[in-house]
Protein backbone atom coordinates (compact mmCIF):
# COMPACT_ATOMS: atom_id res chain seq x y z
CA UNK A 1 -51.72 -125.82 -126.50
CA UNK A 2 -49.49 -127.83 -123.86
CA UNK A 3 -46.62 -126.45 -122.63
CA UNK A 4 -43.49 -128.04 -120.49
CA UNK A 5 -40.70 -125.98 -118.71
CA UNK A 6 -37.83 -128.26 -117.56
CA UNK A 7 -36.85 -128.54 -114.79
CA UNK A 8 -39.67 -129.96 -112.56
CA UNK A 9 -40.17 -126.70 -110.31
CA UNK A 10 -41.97 -125.00 -112.40
CA UNK A 11 -46.33 -125.59 -112.53
CA UNK A 12 -46.69 -128.06 -115.41
CA UNK A 13 -49.59 -130.43 -116.54
CA UNK A 14 -47.70 -133.44 -116.89
CA UNK A 15 -47.43 -135.52 -113.74
CA UNK A 16 -43.63 -135.96 -112.12
CA UNK A 17 -42.09 -138.67 -113.28
CA UNK A 18 -41.70 -141.96 -110.24
CA UNK A 19 -38.56 -143.50 -111.72
CA UNK A 20 -35.00 -143.23 -113.39
CA UNK A 21 -35.67 -141.04 -115.91
CA UNK A 22 -34.04 -143.12 -118.42
CA UNK A 23 -37.17 -145.53 -117.97
CA UNK A 24 -38.87 -146.45 -121.29
CA UNK A 25 -42.29 -148.01 -121.36
CA UNK A 26 -41.08 -149.70 -124.94
CA UNK A 27 -38.02 -150.51 -126.29
CA UNK A 28 -39.27 -148.50 -129.31
CA UNK A 29 -39.42 -145.47 -127.50
CA UNK A 30 -35.93 -146.14 -125.94
CA UNK A 31 -35.04 -146.25 -129.95
CA UNK A 32 -37.19 -143.13 -130.97
CA UNK A 33 -35.46 -141.12 -128.11
CA UNK A 34 -31.51 -142.29 -129.44
CA UNK A 35 -32.63 -141.44 -132.48
CA UNK A 36 -34.34 -138.18 -131.78
CA UNK A 37 -30.84 -136.78 -129.80
CA UNK A 38 -29.21 -138.09 -132.89
CA UNK A 39 -30.87 -135.67 -134.95
CA UNK A 40 -30.59 -132.80 -132.60
CA UNK A 41 -27.22 -133.00 -131.88
CA UNK A 42 -26.88 -133.06 -136.61
CA UNK A 43 -29.18 -130.16 -136.40
CA UNK A 44 -27.42 -128.00 -133.98
CA UNK A 45 -23.63 -128.89 -135.47
CA UNK A 46 -25.87 -127.27 -138.57
CA UNK A 47 -27.00 -124.19 -137.10
CA UNK A 48 -23.45 -122.69 -136.11
CA UNK A 49 -24.18 -120.25 -138.89
CA UNK A 50 -27.22 -118.52 -137.53
CA UNK A 51 -26.27 -118.97 -134.00
CA UNK A 52 -22.69 -116.95 -134.86
CA UNK A 53 -25.20 -113.72 -136.15
CA UNK A 54 -26.59 -113.50 -132.47
CA UNK A 55 -25.39 -110.36 -130.15
CA UNK A 56 -22.37 -111.51 -128.77
CA UNK A 57 -21.32 -113.70 -131.13
CA UNK A 58 -19.27 -110.83 -133.17
CA UNK A 59 -15.80 -113.76 -133.82
CA UNK A 60 -18.08 -115.61 -135.77
CA UNK A 61 -18.96 -119.15 -136.37
CA UNK A 62 -15.49 -120.17 -136.26
CA UNK A 63 -14.42 -118.21 -132.17
CA UNK A 64 -18.07 -119.27 -130.41
CA UNK A 65 -18.50 -122.71 -128.56
CA UNK A 66 -21.65 -123.23 -127.44
CA UNK A 67 -22.01 -126.03 -124.33
CA UNK A 68 -25.03 -127.96 -123.22
CA UNK A 69 -25.07 -130.02 -119.67
CA UNK A 70 -23.77 -133.91 -119.76
CA UNK A 71 -27.49 -134.84 -120.12
CA UNK A 72 -29.11 -132.15 -122.02
CA UNK A 73 -29.85 -134.02 -125.67
CA UNK A 74 -31.36 -137.27 -123.64
CA UNK A 75 -33.45 -135.38 -121.28
CA UNK A 76 -34.64 -133.47 -124.19
CA UNK A 77 -35.29 -136.61 -126.55
CA UNK A 78 -37.24 -138.32 -123.54
CA UNK A 79 -39.23 -135.23 -122.87
CA UNK A 80 -40.51 -135.14 -126.89
CA UNK A 81 -41.32 -138.79 -126.41
CA UNK A 82 -43.14 -138.19 -123.09
CA UNK A 83 -45.35 -135.52 -125.27
CA UNK A 84 -46.19 -137.73 -128.14
CA UNK A 85 -47.16 -140.71 -125.98
CA UNK A 86 -50.80 -140.02 -126.53
CA UNK A 87 -51.17 -139.31 -130.12
CA UNK A 88 -51.77 -142.03 -133.03
CA UNK A 89 -48.59 -142.11 -134.83
CA UNK A 90 -46.57 -141.44 -131.51
CA UNK A 91 -42.95 -140.12 -131.89
CA UNK A 92 -43.32 -140.96 -135.47
CA UNK A 93 -46.03 -138.11 -136.62
CA UNK A 94 -43.94 -135.31 -134.70
CA UNK A 95 -42.53 -132.45 -136.19
CA UNK A 96 -39.91 -130.87 -133.96
CA UNK A 97 -39.30 -127.36 -134.39
CA UNK A 98 -36.15 -125.92 -132.76
CA UNK A 99 -35.56 -122.22 -132.00
CA UNK A 100 -32.90 -120.23 -129.43
CA UNK A 101 -33.74 -117.36 -127.97
CA UNK A 102 -31.17 -115.11 -125.84
CA UNK A 103 -32.76 -112.33 -124.69
CA UNK A 104 -35.10 -110.17 -127.57
CA UNK A 105 -33.17 -112.07 -130.15
CA UNK A 106 -34.71 -115.32 -131.69
CA UNK A 107 -32.67 -117.84 -133.86
CA UNK A 108 -34.91 -120.70 -135.49
CA UNK A 109 -33.19 -123.31 -135.77
CA UNK A 110 -34.34 -125.40 -138.32
CA UNK A 111 -36.74 -128.43 -137.43
CA UNK A 112 -37.14 -132.33 -137.54
CA UNK A 113 -39.78 -134.41 -139.24
CA UNK A 114 -39.95 -137.27 -137.46
CA UNK A 115 -41.11 -139.56 -139.74
CA UNK A 116 -41.64 -138.12 -143.18
CA UNK A 117 -43.73 -141.25 -144.44
CA UNK A 118 -46.86 -139.99 -141.95
CA UNK A 119 -49.02 -136.69 -141.94
CA UNK A 120 -47.87 -134.82 -138.88
CA UNK A 121 -50.61 -134.99 -136.10
CA UNK A 122 -48.71 -132.81 -134.07
CA UNK A 123 -45.79 -130.11 -133.85
CA UNK A 124 -43.18 -129.39 -130.84
CA UNK A 125 -41.88 -126.24 -130.21
CA UNK A 126 -39.01 -126.77 -128.43
CA UNK A 127 -37.22 -123.41 -127.09
CA UNK A 128 -34.02 -123.68 -125.89
CA UNK A 129 -31.89 -120.27 -123.63
CA UNK A 130 -28.93 -119.24 -122.85
CA UNK A 131 -27.90 -118.89 -119.27
CA UNK A 132 -27.74 -116.39 -117.51
CA UNK A 133 -24.68 -117.44 -115.19
CA UNK A 134 -21.31 -119.75 -115.86
CA UNK A 135 -22.59 -122.83 -114.67
CA UNK A 136 -20.91 -124.12 -111.75
CA UNK A 137 -17.14 -125.84 -112.29
CA UNK A 138 -18.34 -129.10 -110.41
CA UNK A 139 -21.60 -129.78 -113.24
CA UNK A 140 -20.08 -132.20 -116.37
CA UNK A 141 -20.57 -130.17 -119.53
CA UNK A 142 -20.63 -131.33 -123.34
CA UNK A 143 -19.34 -129.25 -126.08
CA UNK A 144 -21.55 -129.20 -129.12
CA UNK A 145 -20.33 -126.45 -131.18
CA UNK A 146 -16.70 -125.13 -131.67
CA UNK A 147 -13.23 -125.38 -130.19
CA UNK A 148 -12.57 -122.17 -128.95
CA UNK A 149 -12.45 -120.39 -125.48
CA UNK A 150 -12.93 -116.80 -126.74
CA UNK A 151 -16.76 -116.61 -126.60
CA UNK A 152 -18.81 -119.39 -125.04
CA UNK A 153 -22.42 -119.67 -124.90
CA UNK A 154 -23.94 -121.84 -122.26
CA UNK A 155 -27.16 -123.13 -123.18
CA UNK A 156 -29.90 -123.32 -119.93
CA UNK A 157 -30.51 -126.94 -118.85
CA UNK A 158 -33.70 -125.40 -118.33
CA UNK A 159 -36.28 -125.91 -121.79
CA UNK A 160 -39.45 -124.77 -122.71
CA UNK A 161 -41.96 -127.53 -125.12
CA UNK A 162 -45.28 -126.63 -126.27
CA UNK A 163 -47.92 -129.11 -128.11
CA UNK A 164 -50.25 -128.38 -130.79
CA UNK A 165 -51.80 -131.13 -132.38
CA UNK A 166 -52.77 -130.49 -136.12
CA UNK A 167 -56.64 -130.25 -137.48
CA UNK A 168 -56.97 -132.06 -140.49
CA UNK A 169 -59.67 -130.95 -142.53
CA UNK A 170 -61.94 -133.12 -144.53
CA UNK A 171 -62.70 -132.75 -148.17
CA UNK A 172 -66.07 -132.28 -149.18
CA UNK A 173 -67.31 -135.16 -151.60
CA UNK A 174 -70.24 -133.94 -153.78
């Protein structure tokens, strides 16, 4: 199991990026990251009803807003693409499970199978957490859910990605 924590101030088995964050190795990687960030965006929008069951969200989904750092989805998609670089089918053979945790509470937001026509060669578990403090006013934020200002959930810019390889069992033929 490979675990990666953002930001890079934590211990991590991955090498640090030596160039700009948006520097992709190939055009296909950039396209895959853009597509993946769009899928994550749509999945988070669909998860509004599940997030409204969390403690502190008693007003329901209509009064709840979810805010993330402005570059959050791009960083997240880039890290997922980077974690799947060594796999046989790359990002296409990946299934991404997204969870949100707030203290002891855990909500499964959903999963994204990057290419439904290929068998999954790796499972990535992404865990988002609630920010403990309100971000500084100078930090740009992106509203991904809701329009209310009564109940705002700030997603932490740090997240955890765990990678597990899927082992295929071969059938014994007689």
